[in-house]
Structures are given as C-alpha cells and as structure tokens.
PDB file of all heavy atoms in Angstrom:
ATOM      1  N   GLU A   1     -25.534   3.346  42.914  1.00  0.00           N
ATOM      2  CA  GLU A   1     -25.116   2.156  42.104  1.00  0.00           C
ATOM      3  C   GLU A   1     -26.321   1.635  41.298  1.00  0.00           C
ATOM      4  O   GLU A   1     -26.227   1.184  40.199  1.00  0.00           O
ATOM      5  CB  GLU A   1     -24.624   1.032  43.055  1.00  0.00           C
ATOM      6  CG  GLU A   1     -23.213   1.394  43.633  1.00  0.00           C
ATOM      7  CD  GLU A   1     -22.223   1.826  42.518  1.00  0.00           C
ATOM      8  OE1 GLU A   1     -22.073   1.013  41.566  1.00  0.00           O
ATOM      9  OE2 GLU A   1     -21.522   2.768  42.641  1.00  0.00           O
ATOM     10  N   PHE A   2     -27.554   1.721  41.919  1.00  0.00           N
ATOM     11  CA  PHE A   2     -28.738   1.370  41.220  1.00  0.00           C
ATOM     12  C   PHE A   2     -28.967   2.208  39.972  1.00  0.00           C
ATOM     13  O   PHE A   2     -29.173   1.744  38.848  1.00  0.00           O
ATOM     14  CB  PHE A   2     -29.952   1.532  42.215  1.00  0.00           C
ATOM     15  CG  PHE A   2     -31.306   1.437  41.531  1.00  0.00           C
ATOM     16  CD1 PHE A   2     -31.875   0.319  41.098  1.00  0.00           C
ATOM     17  CD2 PHE A   2     -32.029   2.669  41.334  1.00  0.00           C
ATOM     18  CE1 PHE A   2     -33.080   0.227  40.433  1.00  0.00           C
ATOM     19  CE2 PHE A   2     -33.279   2.604  40.722  1.00  0.00           C
ATOM     20  CZ  PHE A   2     -33.774   1.421  40.322  1.00  0.00           C
ATOM     21  N   LEU A   3     -28.821   3.497  40.164  1.00  0.00           N
ATOM     22  CA  LEU A   3     -28.974   4.472  38.973  1.00  0.00           C
ATOM     23  C   LEU A   3     -27.924   4.258  37.957  1.00  0.00           C
ATOM     24  O   LEU A   3     -28.054   4.358  36.817  1.00  0.00           O
ATOM     25  CB  LEU A   3     -29.087   5.842  39.483  1.00  0.00           C
ATOM     26  CG  LEU A   3     -30.245   6.199  40.390  1.00  0.00           C
ATOM     27  CD1 LEU A   3     -30.145   7.572  40.951  1.00  0.00           C
ATOM     28  CD2 LEU A   3     -31.637   6.014  39.557  1.00  0.00           C
ATOM     29  N   ARG A   4     -26.630   4.059  38.455  1.00  0.00           N
ATOM     30  CA  ARG A   4     -25.510   3.885  37.573  1.00  0.00           C
ATOM     31  C   ARG A   4     -25.715   2.678  36.768  1.00  0.00           C
ATOM     32  O   ARG A   4     -25.438   2.665  35.507  1.00  0.00           O
ATOM     33  CB  ARG A   4     -24.234   3.654  38.442  1.00  0.00           C
ATOM     34  CG  ARG A   4     -22.944   3.624  37.503  1.00  0.00           C
ATOM     35  CD  ARG A   4     -21.794   3.240  38.360  1.00  0.00           C
ATOM     36  NE  ARG A   4     -21.548   4.051  39.558  1.00  0.00           N
ATOM     37  CZ  ARG A   4     -20.834   5.171  39.519  1.00  0.00           C
ATOM     38  NH1 ARG A   4     -20.293   5.543  38.373  1.00  0.00           N
ATOM     39  NH2 ARG A   4     -20.628   5.859  40.579  1.00  0.00           N
ATOM     40  N   LYS A   5     -26.286   1.552  37.311  1.00  0.00           N
ATOM     41  CA  LYS A   5     -26.467   0.403  36.547  1.00  0.00           C
ATOM     42  C   LYS A   5     -27.495   0.642  35.413  1.00  0.00           C
ATOM     43  O   LYS A   5     -27.324   0.169  34.309  1.00  0.00           O
ATOM     44  CB  LYS A   5     -26.970  -0.776  37.396  1.00  0.00           C
ATOM     45  CG  LYS A   5     -27.151  -2.057  36.635  1.00  0.00           C
ATOM     46  CD  LYS A   5     -27.495  -3.238  37.567  1.00  0.00           C
ATOM     47  CE  LYS A   5     -27.696  -4.494  36.810  1.00  0.00           C
ATOM     48  NZ  LYS A   5     -27.980  -5.607  37.671  1.00  0.00           N
ATOM     49  N   ILE A   6     -28.597   1.318  35.684  1.00  0.00           N
ATOM     50  CA  ILE A   6     -29.583   1.684  34.681  1.00  0.00           C
ATOM     51  C   ILE A   6     -28.986   2.477  33.557  1.00  0.00           C
ATOM     52  O   ILE A   6     -29.100   2.170  32.357  1.00  0.00           O
ATOM     53  CB  ILE A   6     -30.720   2.482  35.276  1.00  0.00           C
ATOM     54  CG1 ILE A   6     -31.466   1.587  36.269  1.00  0.00           C
ATOM     55  CG2 ILE A   6     -31.690   2.960  34.210  1.00  0.00           C
ATOM     56  CD1 ILE A   6     -32.557   2.281  37.058  1.00  0.00           C
ATOM     57  N   VAL A   7     -28.217   3.534  33.892  1.00  0.00           N
ATOM     58  CA  VAL A   7     -27.648   4.382  32.920  1.00  0.00           C
ATOM     59  C   VAL A   7     -26.684   3.740  31.961  1.00  0.00           C
ATOM     60  O   VAL A   7     -26.732   3.810  30.785  1.00  0.00           O
ATOM     61  CB  VAL A   7     -26.925   5.618  33.599  1.00  0.00           C
ATOM     62  CG1 VAL A   7     -26.136   6.368  32.572  1.00  0.00           C
ATOM     63  CG2 VAL A   7     -27.969   6.484  34.220  1.00  0.00           C
ATOM     64  N   LEU A   8     -25.825   2.849  32.529  1.00  0.00           N
ATOM     65  CA  LEU A   8     -24.806   2.223  31.813  1.00  0.00           C
ATOM     66  C   LEU A   8     -25.271   1.010  31.136  1.00  0.00           C
ATOM     67  O   LEU A   8     -24.583   0.367  30.261  1.00  0.00           O
ATOM     68  CB  LEU A   8     -23.627   1.730  32.784  1.00  0.00           C
ATOM     69  CG  LEU A   8     -22.870   2.981  33.358  1.00  0.00           C
ATOM     70  CD1 LEU A   8     -21.758   2.477  34.166  1.00  0.00           C
ATOM     71  CD2 LEU A   8     -22.444   3.960  32.342  1.00  0.00           C
ATOM     72  N   SER A   9     -26.662   0.593  31.274  1.00  0.00           N
ATOM     73  CA  SER A   9     -27.176  -0.466  30.478  1.00  0.00           C
ATOM     74  C   SER A   9     -27.776   0.027  29.177  1.00  0.00           C
ATOM     75  O   SER A   9     -28.269  -0.777  28.342  1.00  0.00           O
ATOM     76  CB  SER A   9     -28.312  -1.154  31.334  1.00  0.00           C
ATOM     77  OG  SER A   9     -29.463  -0.221  31.371  1.00  0.00           O
ATOM     78  N   VAL A  10     -27.608   1.335  28.914  1.00  0.00           N
ATOM     79  CA  VAL A  10     -28.225   1.944  27.737  1.00  0.00           C
ATOM     80  C   VAL A  10     -27.107   2.368  26.870  1.00  0.00           C
ATOM     81  O   VAL A  10     -26.140   3.056  27.288  1.00  0.00           O
ATOM     82  CB  VAL A  10     -29.056   3.164  28.175  1.00  0.00           C
ATOM     83  CG1 VAL A  10     -29.638   3.838  26.910  1.00  0.00           C
ATOM     84  CG2 VAL A  10     -30.240   2.754  29.076  1.00  0.00           C
ATOM     85  N   ALA A  11     -27.202   2.045  25.600  1.00  0.00           N
ATOM     86  CA  ALA A  11     -26.139   2.314  24.606  1.00  0.00           C
ATOM     87  C   ALA A  11     -26.037   3.858  24.418  1.00  0.00           C
ATOM     88  O   ALA A  11     -26.985   4.624  24.449  1.00  0.00           O
ATOM     89  CB  ALA A  11     -26.493   1.698  23.254  1.00  0.00           C
ATOM     90  N   ASP A  12     -24.740   4.227  24.344  1.00  0.00           N
ATOM     91  CA  ASP A  12     -24.407   5.650  23.972  1.00  0.00           C
ATOM     92  C   ASP A  12     -24.860   6.589  25.104  1.00  0.00           C
ATOM     93  O   ASP A  12     -25.020   7.778  24.868  1.00  0.00           O
ATOM     94  CB  ASP A  12     -25.036   6.043  22.641  1.00  0.00           C
ATOM     95  CG  ASP A  12     -24.516   5.291  21.538  1.00  0.00           C
ATOM     96  OD1 ASP A  12     -23.259   4.843  21.533  1.00  0.00           O
ATOM     97  OD2 ASP A  12     -25.325   4.886  20.641  1.00  0.00           O
ATOM     98  N   HIS A  13     -24.860   6.134  26.325  1.00  0.00           N
ATOM     99  CA  HIS A  13     -25.137   7.053  27.465  1.00  0.00           C
ATOM    100  C   HIS A  13     -24.074   6.921  28.403  1.00  0.00           C
ATOM    101  O   HIS A  13     -23.369   5.927  28.574  1.00  0.00           O
ATOM    102  CB  HIS A  13     -26.472   6.647  28.149  1.00  0.00           C
ATOM    103  CG  HIS A  13     -27.655   6.958  27.258  1.00  0.00           C
ATOM    104  ND1 HIS A  13     -27.882   6.361  26.157  1.00  0.00           N
ATOM    105  CD2 HIS A  13     -28.639   7.932  27.347  1.00  0.00           C
ATOM    106  CE1 HIS A  13     -29.029   6.819  25.592  1.00  0.00           C
ATOM    107  NE2 HIS A  13     -29.471   7.833  26.374  1.00  0.00           N
ATOM    108  N   GLU A  14     -23.680   8.081  29.149  1.00  0.00           N
ATOM    109  CA  GLU A  14     -22.594   8.095  30.102  1.00  0.00           C
ATOM    110  C   GLU A  14     -22.931   8.925  31.283  1.00  0.00           C
ATOM    111  O   GLU A  14     -23.788   9.801  31.219  1.00  0.00           O
ATOM    112  CB  GLU A  14     -21.305   8.679  29.442  1.00  0.00           C
ATOM    113  CG  GLU A  14     -21.514  10.198  29.003  1.00  0.00           C
ATOM    114  CD  GLU A  14     -20.209  10.744  28.436  1.00  0.00           C
ATOM    115  OE1 GLU A  14     -19.205  10.361  29.004  1.00  0.00           O
ATOM    116  OE2 GLU A  14     -20.351  11.627  27.555  1.00  0.00           O
ATOM    117  N   ILE A  15     -22.261   8.543  32.356  1.00  0.00           N
ATOM    118  CA  ILE A  15     -22.418   9.261  33.601  1.00  0.00           C
ATOM    119  C   ILE A  15     -21.256  10.311  33.623  1.00  0.00           C
ATOM    120  O   ILE A  15     -20.054   9.912  33.657  1.00  0.00           O
ATOM    121  CB  ILE A  15     -22.329   8.415  34.905  1.00  0.00           C
ATOM    122  CG1 ILE A  15     -23.524   7.394  34.896  1.00  0.00           C
ATOM    123  CG2 ILE A  15     -22.340   9.241  36.146  1.00  0.00           C
ATOM    124  CD1 ILE A  15     -23.455   6.366  35.944  1.00  0.00           C
ATOM    125  N   VAL A  16     -21.554  11.602  33.635  1.00  0.00           N
ATOM    126  CA  VAL A  16     -20.458  12.623  33.559  1.00  0.00           C
ATOM    127  C   VAL A  16     -19.969  13.025  34.941  1.00  0.00           C
ATOM    128  O   VAL A  16     -18.797  13.317  35.078  1.00  0.00           O
ATOM    129  CB  VAL A  16     -20.963  13.865  32.862  1.00  0.00           C
ATOM    130  CG1 VAL A  16     -21.200  13.526  31.382  1.00  0.00           C
ATOM    131  CG2 VAL A  16     -22.254  14.412  33.390  1.00  0.00           C
ATOM    132  N   TRP A  17     -20.865  12.873  35.965  1.00  0.00           N
ATOM    133  CA  TRP A  17     -20.368  13.156  37.272  1.00  0.00           C
ATOM    134  C   TRP A  17     -21.532  12.665  38.334  1.00  0.00           C
ATOM    135  O   TRP A  17     -22.557  12.469  38.023  1.00  0.00           O
ATOM    136  CB  TRP A  17     -20.099  14.609  37.620  1.00  0.00           C
ATOM    137  CG  TRP A  17     -20.946  15.647  37.156  1.00  0.00           C
ATOM    138  CD1 TRP A  17     -20.869  16.416  36.032  1.00  0.00           C
ATOM    139  CD2 TRP A  17     -22.155  16.150  37.879  1.00  0.00           C
ATOM    140  NE1 TRP A  17     -21.996  17.339  35.957  1.00  0.00           N
ATOM    141  CE2 TRP A  17     -22.691  17.231  37.069  1.00  0.00           C
ATOM    142  CE3 TRP A  17     -22.760  15.775  39.116  1.00  0.00           C
ATOM    143  CZ2 TRP A  17     -23.858  17.878  37.484  1.00  0.00           C
ATOM    144  CZ3 TRP A  17     -23.905  16.519  39.388  1.00  0.00           C
ATOM    145  CH2 TRP A  17     -24.451  17.469  38.631  1.00  0.00           C
ATOM    146  N   VAL A  18     -20.967  12.430  39.527  1.00  0.00           N
ATOM    147  CA  VAL A  18     -21.784  12.058  40.667  1.00  0.00           C
ATOM    148  C   VAL A  18     -21.569  13.034  41.733  1.00  0.00           C
ATOM    149  O   VAL A  18     -20.468  13.411  42.136  1.00  0.00           O
ATOM    150  CB  VAL A  18     -21.556  10.661  41.194  1.00  0.00           C
ATOM    151  CG1 VAL A  18     -22.362  10.374  42.447  1.00  0.00           C
ATOM    152  CG2 VAL A  18     -21.859   9.622  40.093  1.00  0.00           C
ATOM    153  N   ALA A  19     -22.666  13.623  42.371  1.00  0.00           N
ATOM    154  CA  ALA A  19     -22.561  14.562  43.517  1.00  0.00           C
ATOM    155  C   ALA A  19     -23.198  13.968  44.744  1.00  0.00           C
ATOM    156  O   ALA A  19     -24.259  13.267  44.629  1.00  0.00           O
ATOM    157  CB  ALA A  19     -23.150  15.880  43.147  1.00  0.00           C
ATOM    158  N   ARG A  20     -22.566  14.207  45.894  1.00  0.00           N
ATOM    159  CA  ARG A  20     -23.138  13.694  47.188  1.00  0.00           C
ATOM    160  C   ARG A  20     -24.112  14.557  47.840  1.00  0.00           C
ATOM    161  O   ARG A  20     -24.708  14.195  48.866  1.00  0.00           O
ATOM    162  CB  ARG A  20     -21.973  13.210  48.048  1.00  0.00           C
ATOM    163  CG  ARG A  20     -20.985  12.262  47.414  1.00  0.00           C
ATOM    164  CD  ARG A  20     -21.636  10.952  46.991  1.00  0.00           C
ATOM    165  NE  ARG A  20     -20.616   9.960  46.529  1.00  0.00           N
ATOM    166  CZ  ARG A  20     -21.006   8.864  45.965  1.00  0.00           C
ATOM    167  NH1 ARG A  20     -22.201   8.506  45.863  1.00  0.00           N
ATOM    168  NH2 ARG A  20     -20.014   8.058  45.600  1.00  0.00           N
ATOM    169  N   ASN A  21     -24.197  15.818  47.405  1.00  0.00           N
ATOM    170  CA  ASN A  21     -25.098  16.779  48.091  1.00  0.00           C
ATOM    171  C   ASN A  21     -25.436  17.838  47.036  1.00  0.00           C
ATOM    172  O   ASN A  21     -24.851  17.935  46.029  1.00  0.00           O
ATOM    173  CB  ASN A  21     -24.522  17.376  49.360  1.00  0.00           C
ATOM    174  CG  ASN A  21     -23.282  18.178  49.096  1.00  0.00           C
ATOM    175  OD1 ASN A  21     -23.356  19.147  48.431  1.00  0.00           O
ATOM    176  ND2 ASN A  21     -22.197  17.709  49.623  1.00  0.00           N
ATOM    177  N   GLY A  22     -26.432  18.612  47.389  1.00  0.00           N
ATOM    178  CA  GLY A  22     -27.031  19.615  46.408  1.00  0.00           C
ATOM    179  C   GLY A  22     -25.964  20.751  46.055  1.00  0.00           C
ATOM    180  O   GLY A  22     -25.894  21.130  45.004  1.00  0.00           O
ATOM    181  N   ALA A  23     -25.218  21.162  47.056  1.00  0.00           N
ATOM    182  CA  ALA A  23     -24.232  22.230  46.825  1.00  0.00           C
ATOM    183  C   ALA A  23     -23.158  21.719  45.824  1.00  0.00           C
ATOM    184  O   ALA A  23     -22.762  22.531  44.906  1.00  0.00           O
ATOM    185  CB  ALA A  23     -23.549  22.705  48.144  1.00  0.00           C
ATOM    186  N   GLU A  24     -22.691  20.464  46.024  1.00  0.00           N
ATOM    187  CA  GLU A  24     -21.691  19.934  45.079  1.00  0.00           C
ATOM    188  C   GLU A  24     -22.380  19.774  43.677  1.00  0.00           C
ATOM    189  O   GLU A  24     -21.629  19.985  42.744  1.00  0.00           O
ATOM    190  CB  GLU A  24     -21.315  18.558  45.628  1.00  0.00           C
ATOM    191  CG  GLU A  24     -20.206  17.883  44.818  1.00  0.00           C
ATOM    192  CD  GLU A  24     -19.847  16.518  45.302  1.00  0.00           C
ATOM    193  OE1 GLU A  24     -20.116  16.276  46.531  1.00  0.00           O
ATOM    194  OE2 GLU A  24     -19.234  15.693  44.614  1.00  0.00           O
TER     195      GLU A  24
END
C-alpha cells in the first residue's frame, strides 16, 4: 500500500500487477 500510494500519486503511471512472491 505504501508503494501503491507513491506510484498512483504520479501522473500517467499505473500499477499493472502485484505479486506476493518471487515465483508469481
């Protein structure tokens, strides 16, 4: 959530996916 807030505070940037472990 910390990283999500940073990313979404920036214009024209998006989170394409979130993974919970390295294999994923």
